[in-house]
Amino acid sequence: MARYKGVRVNSFGLPDFGSFKREKYRKIPRKRSLYHVSFDSFFLDNAPKNLIVMYDIPHGLKKERDWFRRHLIKFGYIMIQKSVWVGPSPLPKDFLDYLEEIKIGDKFKTFKLAKSYTNSISAMA
């Protein structure tokens, strides 16, 4: 078939949009994405928030970073800043082992607080 301005045309020179649609929406074989392991939270809702987690996971590991954030939320952590979270301690051992396995175990630090974190402004006064 002939082309005119990037569009296929029939023998009369009219655009053949039927073939264009077939070309555009061809199924592209995609690599199957792997899903990360999901961990259950064993922390109580009223557990003291006495562990700060700070991380710097690069953009190239976005899937892992989002997975990590979802699990911090699942464990009852609250965000103080974009990559600074506070919540109950300690993080589960199998969770920490899995972080090493997916190559983000060295991208975060934890700090134990002397006093439990409170989100209230009046508690700070």
Protein backbone atom coordinates (compact mmCIF):
# COMPACT_ATOMS: atom_id res chain seq x y z
CA MET A 1 0.00 0.00 0.00
CA ALA A 2 1.08 3.55 -0.67
CA ARG A 3 1.44 6.21 1.99
CA TYR A 4 0.64 9.89 1.94
CA LYS A 5 1.77 12.08 4.88
CA GLY A 6 2.34 8.98 7.00
CA VAL A 7 -1.13 7.52 6.44
CA ARG A 8 -1.79 4.52 4.24
CA VAL A 9 -3.92 5.30 1.21
CA ASN A 10 -5.89 2.99 -1.07
CA SER A 11 -5.60 2.83 -4.86
CA PHE A 12 -7.85 5.93 -5.19
CA GLY A 13 -5.57 7.98 -2.89
CA LEU A 14 -8.08 8.02 -0.03
CA PRO A 15 -6.87 7.37 3.53
CA ASP A 16 -7.27 3.79 4.68
CA PHE A 17 -8.05 4.36 8.35
CA GLY A 18 -9.03 0.75 8.93
CA SER A 19 -5.46 -0.43 8.50
CA PHE A 20 -4.20 2.51 10.58
CA LYS A 21 -6.29 1.43 13.54
CA ARG A 22 -5.08 -2.15 13.22
CA GLU A 23 -1.44 -0.98 13.17
CA LYS A 24 -1.82 1.40 16.10
CA TYR A 25 -3.50 -0.98 18.48
CA ARG A 26 -1.50 -4.10 17.85
CA LYS A 27 -0.87 -6.10 20.98
CA ILE A 28 2.65 -5.58 22.18
CA PRO A 29 4.14 -8.55 24.01
CA ARG A 30 5.04 -7.37 27.49
CA LYS A 31 7.33 -8.85 30.04
CA ARG A 32 5.42 -10.20 33.00
CA SER A 33 5.94 -7.91 35.96
CA LEU A 34 6.96 -9.42 39.25
CA TYR A 35 5.05 -8.54 42.36
CA HIS A 36 6.76 -8.05 45.68
CA VAL A 37 5.94 -10.01 48.80
CA SER A 38 3.23 -8.64 51.07
CA PHE A 39 3.81 -8.58 54.83
CA ASP A 40 1.15 -8.51 57.53
CA SER A 41 1.27 -5.97 60.31
CA PHE A 42 1.43 -7.34 63.84
CA PHE A 43 1.46 -3.86 65.45
CA LEU A 44 -1.51 -2.75 67.54
CA ASP A 45 -3.33 0.45 66.53
CA ASN A 46 -2.30 2.18 69.76
CA ALA A 47 1.32 0.99 69.67
CA PRO A 48 3.79 3.75 70.62
CA LYS A 49 5.43 5.42 67.63
CA ASN A 50 9.07 5.34 68.70
CA LEU A 51 11.03 4.56 65.51
CA ILE A 52 11.99 7.03 62.78
CA VAL A 53 12.60 5.62 59.31
CA MET A 54 14.45 7.82 56.82
CA TYR A 55 15.07 6.61 53.28
CA ASP A 56 16.48 7.75 49.96
CA ILE A 57 15.44 5.22 47.32
CA PRO A 58 16.39 6.39 43.79
CA HIS A 59 13.86 6.97 41.03
CA GLY A 60 15.15 3.92 39.17
CA LEU A 61 13.70 1.78 41.96
CA LYS A 62 10.29 3.51 41.93
CA LYS A 63 8.33 0.27 42.17
CA GLU A 64 10.30 -0.77 45.24
CA ARG A 65 9.97 2.71 46.79
CA ASP A 66 6.17 2.68 46.38
CA TRP A 67 6.01 -0.85 47.79
CA PHE A 68 8.10 0.29 50.78
CA ARG A 69 5.79 3.28 51.43
CA ARG A 70 2.67 1.09 51.24
CA HIS A 71 4.14 -1.25 53.84
CA LEU A 72 5.09 1.59 56.16
CA ILE A 73 1.46 2.72 56.03
CA LYS A 74 0.32 -0.86 56.64
CA PHE A 75 2.58 -1.05 59.70
CA GLY A 76 0.95 2.09 61.13
CA TYR A 77 3.67 4.61 60.26
CA ILE A 78 2.84 8.23 59.61
CA MET A 79 4.70 10.54 57.26
CA ILE A 80 6.50 13.50 58.82
CA GLN A 81 8.19 14.55 55.57
CA LYS A 82 8.33 12.97 52.11
CA SER A 83 10.92 10.36 53.08
CA VAL A 84 10.78 10.55 56.88
CA TRP A 85 8.26 8.33 58.67
CA VAL A 86 7.61 7.52 62.32
CA GLY A 87 5.92 4.44 63.71
CA PRO A 88 6.11 1.46 66.03
CA SER A 89 9.28 -0.55 66.47
CA PRO A 90 10.92 -2.86 65.69
CA LEU A 91 10.39 -3.55 62.00
CA PRO A 92 9.81 -7.28 61.38
CA LYS A 93 12.99 -9.31 60.76
CA ASP A 94 11.61 -11.02 57.63
CA PHE A 95 10.66 -7.56 56.26
CA LEU A 96 14.23 -6.29 56.78
CA ASP A 97 15.63 -9.45 55.17
CA TYR A 98 13.40 -8.91 52.16
CA LEU A 99 14.61 -5.29 51.83
CA GLU A 100 18.15 -6.65 51.52
CA GLU A 101 16.98 -9.15 48.92
CA ILE A 102 15.42 -6.46 46.68
CA LYS A 103 18.52 -4.28 47.04
CA ILE A 104 17.09 -1.40 49.10
CA GLY A 105 18.33 -2.54 52.50
CA ASP A 106 21.16 0.01 52.45
CA LYS A 107 18.93 2.89 51.28
CA PHE A 108 17.27 3.63 54.63
CA LYS A 109 18.18 4.34 58.25
CA THR A 110 16.22 3.84 61.45
CA PHE A 111 16.49 5.82 64.67
CA LYS A 112 14.95 4.81 68.00
CA LEU A 113 13.25 7.68 69.84
CA ALA A 114 13.71 8.19 73.58
CA LYS A 115 10.06 9.29 73.91
CA SER A 116 7.10 8.18 71.84
CA TYR A 117 6.10 10.51 69.00
CA THR A 118 2.85 12.42 69.37
CA ASN A 119 1.24 14.21 66.46
CA SER A 120 -0.43 16.84 68.62
CA ILE A 121 0.96 20.40 68.65
CA SER A 122 -0.26 20.94 72.22
CA ALA A 123 1.90 18.01 73.39
CA MET A 124 4.99 19.84 72.14
CA ALA A 125 4.29 22.97 74.19
